[in-house]
Amino acid sequence: MSSSYKLYLDDIRTPRGSGWLIVRSFEEFVATIERLGVPAEISFDHDLGWDEVRNCERKSGYDCAKWLVEQELLVERFNVHSANPVGAENIRALLGNYARFRGSNSGV
């Protein structure tokens, strides 16, 4: 089930343009998709900041992408706006490979 909203995942930045629903963490990302369904588009940041309570890095945009795949949810359009080139490529590769897998198994 795909919805008509656009989701912007970033702990600090705000998107250019209008119409984006902003989430700042893995937990907000999951809760929003569970409540509203799969968005029409997602723009991913990789590094989502520091968890002061646990004294560690927060779950990343890659963790969010991995959650989508684990839930067998396919997002039709996605962008990665992260300044972390390795993290950005990991998100692109994971979601691109999953989309190809789903496309090759659409008749199964």
N, C-alpha and C. Protein backbone atom coordinates (compact mmCIF):
# COMPACT_ATOMS: atom_id res chain seq x y z
N MET A 1 0.84 -1.17 0.00
CA MET A 1 0.00 0.00 0.00
C MET A 1 0.89 1.24 0.00
N SER A 2 0.75 2.10 -0.99
CA SER A 2 1.54 3.32 -1.09
C SER A 2 0.63 4.53 -0.88
N SER A 3 1.12 5.48 -0.13
CA SER A 3 0.37 6.69 0.15
C SER A 3 0.91 7.84 -0.68
N SER A 4 0.24 8.97 -0.60
CA SER A 4 0.63 10.10 -1.45
C SER A 4 1.54 11.11 -0.75
N TYR A 5 1.98 10.83 0.44
CA TYR A 5 2.85 11.78 1.13
C TYR A 5 4.32 11.51 0.81
N LYS A 6 5.17 12.51 1.08
CA LYS A 6 6.61 12.41 0.89
C LYS A 6 7.26 12.50 2.27
N LEU A 7 8.22 11.63 2.53
CA LEU A 7 8.88 11.54 3.84
C LEU A 7 10.33 11.97 3.74
N TYR A 8 10.73 12.87 4.64
CA TYR A 8 12.09 13.40 4.66
C TYR A 8 12.73 13.01 5.99
N LEU A 9 13.74 12.15 5.94
CA LEU A 9 14.43 11.65 7.12
C LEU A 9 15.74 12.40 7.31
N ASP A 10 15.83 13.20 8.38
CA ASP A 10 17.05 13.93 8.68
C ASP A 10 16.96 14.46 10.10
N ASP A 11 18.05 14.34 10.84
CA ASP A 11 18.03 14.80 12.24
C ASP A 11 18.19 16.30 12.38
N ILE A 12 18.68 16.99 11.35
CA ILE A 12 18.95 18.42 11.46
C ILE A 12 18.31 19.25 10.34
N ARG A 13 18.57 18.85 9.09
CA ARG A 13 18.18 19.65 7.94
C ARG A 13 16.67 19.62 7.69
N THR A 14 16.22 20.62 6.94
CA THR A 14 14.85 20.65 6.45
C THR A 14 14.90 20.59 4.93
N PRO A 15 13.89 20.04 4.31
CA PRO A 15 13.92 19.86 2.86
C PRO A 15 13.69 21.16 2.11
N ARG A 16 14.19 21.19 0.90
CA ARG A 16 13.83 22.26 -0.03
C ARG A 16 12.50 21.88 -0.65
N GLY A 17 11.71 22.86 -0.90
CA GLY A 17 10.40 22.61 -1.48
C GLY A 17 9.38 22.30 -0.41
N SER A 18 8.16 22.12 -0.84
CA SER A 18 7.07 21.90 0.11
C SER A 18 6.51 20.49 -0.03
N GLY A 19 5.66 20.14 0.90
CA GLY A 19 4.96 18.87 0.83
C GLY A 19 5.64 17.71 1.51
N TRP A 20 6.76 17.97 2.22
CA TRP A 20 7.49 16.91 2.90
C TRP A 20 7.02 16.77 4.34
N LEU A 21 6.87 15.56 4.79
CA LEU A 21 6.66 15.25 6.20
C LEU A 21 8.04 14.89 6.76
N ILE A 22 8.50 15.63 7.77
CA ILE A 22 9.86 15.46 8.30
C ILE A 22 9.84 14.54 9.51
N VAL A 23 10.74 13.56 9.50
CA VAL A 23 10.98 12.71 10.66
C VAL A 23 12.46 12.80 11.00
N ARG A 24 12.78 12.73 12.30
CA ARG A 24 14.14 12.99 12.77
C ARG A 24 14.87 11.76 13.29
N SER A 25 14.19 10.61 13.36
CA SER A 25 14.82 9.42 13.95
C SER A 25 14.24 8.15 13.35
N PHE A 26 14.94 7.04 13.60
CA PHE A 26 14.46 5.72 13.20
C PHE A 26 13.06 5.47 13.77
N GLU A 27 12.87 5.79 15.05
CA GLU A 27 11.59 5.53 15.71
C GLU A 27 10.46 6.32 15.07
N GLU A 28 10.71 7.59 14.74
CA GLU A 28 9.68 8.40 14.06
C GLU A 28 9.41 7.87 12.66
N PHE A 29 10.45 7.44 11.98
CA PHE A 29 10.34 6.88 10.63
C PHE A 29 9.39 5.68 10.64
N VAL A 30 9.66 4.74 11.53
CA VAL A 30 8.85 3.52 11.62
C VAL A 30 7.42 3.85 12.01
N ALA A 31 7.25 4.68 13.03
CA ALA A 31 5.91 5.03 13.51
C ALA A 31 5.08 5.71 12.43
N THR A 32 5.72 6.58 11.65
CA THR A 32 5.00 7.29 10.59
C THR A 32 4.54 6.33 9.50
N ILE A 33 5.41 5.43 9.09
CA ILE A 33 5.04 4.48 8.03
C ILE A 33 3.99 3.49 8.54
N GLU A 34 4.10 3.08 9.78
CA GLU A 34 3.08 2.19 10.33
C GLU A 34 1.73 2.89 10.41
N ARG A 35 1.73 4.19 10.65
CA ARG A 35 0.48 4.94 10.77
C ARG A 35 -0.10 5.35 9.41
N LEU A 36 0.77 5.78 8.47
CA LEU A 36 0.30 6.36 7.22
C LEU A 36 0.49 5.48 5.99
N GLY A 37 1.24 4.40 6.14
CA GLY A 37 1.55 3.56 4.99
C GLY A 37 2.84 4.00 4.32
N VAL A 38 3.23 3.29 3.30
CA VAL A 38 4.47 3.57 2.57
C VAL A 38 4.30 4.88 1.80
N PRO A 39 5.24 5.81 1.97
CA PRO A 39 5.12 7.09 1.25
C PRO A 39 5.40 6.93 -0.24
N ALA A 40 4.98 7.93 -1.00
CA ALA A 40 5.25 7.94 -2.43
C ALA A 40 6.73 8.14 -2.69
N GLU A 41 7.40 8.84 -1.78
CA GLU A 41 8.83 9.15 -1.94
C GLU A 41 9.46 9.31 -0.56
N ILE A 42 10.73 8.91 -0.45
CA ILE A 42 11.50 9.12 0.77
C ILE A 42 12.85 9.73 0.40
N SER A 43 13.25 10.74 1.17
CA SER A 43 14.60 11.30 1.05
C SER A 43 15.34 10.95 2.34
N PHE A 44 16.44 10.22 2.19
CA PHE A 44 17.18 9.68 3.33
C PHE A 44 18.43 10.48 3.66
N ASP A 45 18.64 10.72 4.96
CA ASP A 45 19.95 11.07 5.49
C ASP A 45 20.50 9.78 6.09
N HIS A 46 21.81 9.64 6.16
CA HIS A 46 22.37 8.44 6.78
C HIS A 46 22.60 8.63 8.27
N ASP A 47 23.38 9.63 8.63
CA ASP A 47 23.77 9.84 10.03
C ASP A 47 22.68 10.63 10.75
N LEU A 48 22.08 10.02 11.77
CA LEU A 48 20.96 10.64 12.47
C LEU A 48 21.31 11.11 13.88
N GLY A 49 22.56 11.44 14.11
CA GLY A 49 22.95 12.08 15.36
C GLY A 49 23.34 11.15 16.48
N TRP A 50 23.46 11.75 17.64
CA TRP A 50 23.95 11.09 18.84
C TRP A 50 22.83 10.95 19.85
N ASP A 51 22.72 9.78 20.45
CA ASP A 51 21.73 9.52 21.50
C ASP A 51 22.37 9.87 22.85
N GLU A 52 21.99 10.99 23.41
CA GLU A 52 22.58 11.45 24.68
C GLU A 52 22.26 10.51 25.84
N VAL A 53 21.09 9.92 25.83
CA VAL A 53 20.67 9.03 26.92
C VAL A 53 21.51 7.76 26.92
N ARG A 54 21.66 7.13 25.76
CA ARG A 54 22.40 5.87 25.67
C ARG A 54 23.89 6.08 25.41
N ASN A 55 24.27 7.34 25.13
CA ASN A 55 25.66 7.69 24.85
C ASN A 55 26.22 6.88 23.67
N CYS A 56 25.47 6.90 22.58
CA CYS A 56 25.89 6.19 21.37
C CYS A 56 25.22 6.83 20.16
N GLU A 57 25.66 6.42 18.97
CA GLU A 57 25.02 6.91 17.75
C GLU A 57 23.60 6.37 17.67
N ARG A 58 22.71 7.18 17.15
CA ARG A 58 21.34 6.72 16.90
C ARG A 58 21.33 5.79 15.70
N LYS A 59 20.25 5.03 15.57
CA LYS A 59 20.10 4.22 14.37
C LYS A 59 20.16 5.14 13.16
N SER A 60 20.65 4.63 12.06
CA SER A 60 20.93 5.43 10.87
C SER A 60 19.83 5.33 9.81
N GLY A 61 20.02 6.12 8.76
CA GLY A 61 19.13 6.01 7.60
C GLY A 61 19.23 4.64 6.96
N TYR A 62 20.40 4.02 7.03
CA TYR A 62 20.54 2.66 6.53
C TYR A 62 19.66 1.70 7.34
N ASP A 63 19.61 1.89 8.65
CA ASP A 63 18.72 1.06 9.48
C ASP A 63 17.27 1.24 9.06
N CYS A 64 16.89 2.46 8.69
CA CYS A 64 15.53 2.71 8.22
C CYS A 64 15.26 1.98 6.90
N ALA A 65 16.22 2.06 5.98
CA ALA A 65 16.08 1.36 4.70
C ALA A 65 16.01 -0.15 4.92
N LYS A 66 16.86 -0.65 5.82
CA LYS A 66 16.86 -2.08 6.13
C LYS A 66 15.51 -2.50 6.72
N TRP A 67 14.92 -1.66 7.57
CA TRP A 67 13.62 -1.95 8.15
C TRP A 67 12.57 -2.09 7.05
N LEU A 68 12.61 -1.20 6.06
CA LEU A 68 11.66 -1.30 4.94
C LEU A 68 11.77 -2.66 4.26
N VAL A 69 12.99 -3.07 3.97
CA VAL A 69 13.22 -4.36 3.30
C VAL A 69 12.75 -5.52 4.18
N GLU A 70 13.07 -5.46 5.47
CA GLU A 70 12.66 -6.53 6.39
C GLU A 70 11.14 -6.64 6.48
N GLN A 71 10.44 -5.51 6.32
CA GLN A 71 8.98 -5.51 6.36
C GLN A 71 8.37 -5.81 4.99
N GLU A 72 9.24 -6.01 3.99
CA GLU A 72 8.83 -6.26 2.61
C GLU A 72 8.01 -5.10 2.05
N LEU A 73 8.48 -3.87 2.37
CA LEU A 73 7.83 -2.65 1.89
C LEU A 73 8.70 -2.03 0.80
N LEU A 74 8.11 -1.75 -0.32
CA LEU A 74 8.84 -1.19 -1.46
C LEU A 74 8.45 0.27 -1.62
N VAL A 75 9.41 1.15 -1.54
CA VAL A 75 9.17 2.57 -1.81
C VAL A 75 9.50 2.81 -3.28
N GLU A 76 8.56 3.42 -4.00
CA GLU A 76 8.72 3.58 -5.45
C GLU A 76 9.83 4.57 -5.80
N ARG A 77 9.91 5.70 -5.06
CA ARG A 77 10.93 6.71 -5.36
C ARG A 77 11.67 7.04 -4.07
N PHE A 78 12.99 7.10 -4.19
CA PHE A 78 13.78 7.51 -3.03
C PHE A 78 15.00 8.30 -3.49
N ASN A 79 15.48 9.10 -2.58
CA ASN A 79 16.65 9.92 -2.79
C ASN A 79 17.50 9.81 -1.52
N VAL A 80 18.80 9.95 -1.67
CA VAL A 80 19.67 9.98 -0.50
C VAL A 80 20.41 11.30 -0.54
N HIS A 81 20.16 12.14 0.46
CA HIS A 81 20.76 13.48 0.51
C HIS A 81 21.88 13.55 1.56
N SER A 82 22.35 12.44 2.04
CA SER A 82 23.36 12.38 3.09
C SER A 82 24.71 12.90 2.63
N ALA A 83 25.43 13.54 3.55
CA ALA A 83 26.81 13.98 3.29
C ALA A 83 27.81 12.84 3.51
N ASN A 84 27.34 11.70 3.98
CA ASN A 84 28.20 10.53 4.23
C ASN A 84 28.19 9.67 2.96
N PRO A 85 29.25 9.72 2.15
CA PRO A 85 29.21 9.02 0.87
C PRO A 85 29.09 7.50 0.98
N VAL A 86 29.74 6.90 1.96
CA VAL A 86 29.67 5.45 2.13
C VAL A 86 28.26 5.06 2.60
N GLY A 87 27.74 5.76 3.60
CA GLY A 87 26.39 5.48 4.08
C GLY A 87 25.35 5.69 3.00
N ALA A 88 25.51 6.76 2.21
CA ALA A 88 24.57 7.05 1.13
C ALA A 88 24.56 5.92 0.10
N GLU A 89 25.75 5.46 -0.29
CA GLU A 89 25.83 4.38 -1.27
C GLU A 89 25.24 3.08 -0.72
N ASN A 90 25.43 2.82 0.56
CA ASN A 90 24.84 1.61 1.16
C ASN A 90 23.32 1.65 1.09
N ILE A 91 22.72 2.80 1.35
CA ILE A 91 21.25 2.93 1.26
C ILE A 91 20.80 2.73 -0.18
N ARG A 92 21.47 3.41 -1.11
CA ARG A 92 21.10 3.26 -2.54
C ARG A 92 21.21 1.81 -2.99
N ALA A 93 22.29 1.15 -2.63
CA ALA A 93 22.50 -0.23 -3.06
C ALA A 93 21.44 -1.16 -2.46
N LEU A 94 21.17 -1.01 -1.19
CA LEU A 94 20.17 -1.87 -0.54
C LEU A 94 18.80 -1.71 -1.18
N LEU A 95 18.33 -0.47 -1.31
CA LEU A 95 16.99 -0.24 -1.85
C LEU A 95 16.92 -0.55 -3.35
N GLY A 96 17.99 -0.25 -4.07
CA GLY A 96 18.03 -0.58 -5.50
C GLY A 96 18.00 -2.08 -5.73
N ASN A 97 18.79 -2.81 -4.97
CA ASN A 97 18.80 -4.28 -5.10
C ASN A 97 17.45 -4.87 -4.72
N TYR A 98 16.83 -4.34 -3.67
CA TYR A 98 15.53 -4.85 -3.25
C TYR A 98 14.47 -4.57 -4.32
N ALA A 99 14.52 -3.39 -4.91
CA ALA A 99 13.55 -3.06 -5.98
C ALA A 99 13.73 -4.00 -7.17
N ARG A 100 14.98 -4.28 -7.54
CA ARG A 100 15.22 -5.22 -8.64
C ARG A 100 14.73 -6.62 -8.28
N PHE A 101 14.97 -7.06 -7.06
CA PHE A 101 14.51 -8.36 -6.60
C PHE A 101 12.98 -8.44 -6.67
N ARG A 102 12.32 -7.42 -6.17
CA ARG A 102 10.85 -7.41 -6.20
C ARG A 102 10.34 -7.41 -7.63
N GLY A 103 11.00 -6.65 -8.50
CA GLY A 103 10.58 -6.60 -9.90
C GLY A 103 10.77 -7.93 -10.60
N SER A 104 11.84 -8.64 -10.28
CA SER A 104 12.11 -9.93 -10.93
C SER A 104 11.21 -11.03 -10.38
N ASN A 105 10.64 -10.81 -9.20
CA ASN A 105 9.77 -11.81 -8.60
C ASN A 105 8.30 -11.38 -8.61
N SER A 106 7.95 -10.40 -9.45
CA SER A 106 6.58 -9.89 -9.45
C SER A 106 5.57 -10.90 -9.96
N GLY A 107 6.01 -11.86 -10.77
CA GLY A 107 5.09 -12.85 -11.29
C GLY A 107 4.99 -14.11 -10.45
N VAL A 108 5.71 -14.15 -9.34
CA VAL A 108 5.75 -15.35 -8.51
C VAL A 108 4.58 -15.39 -7.58
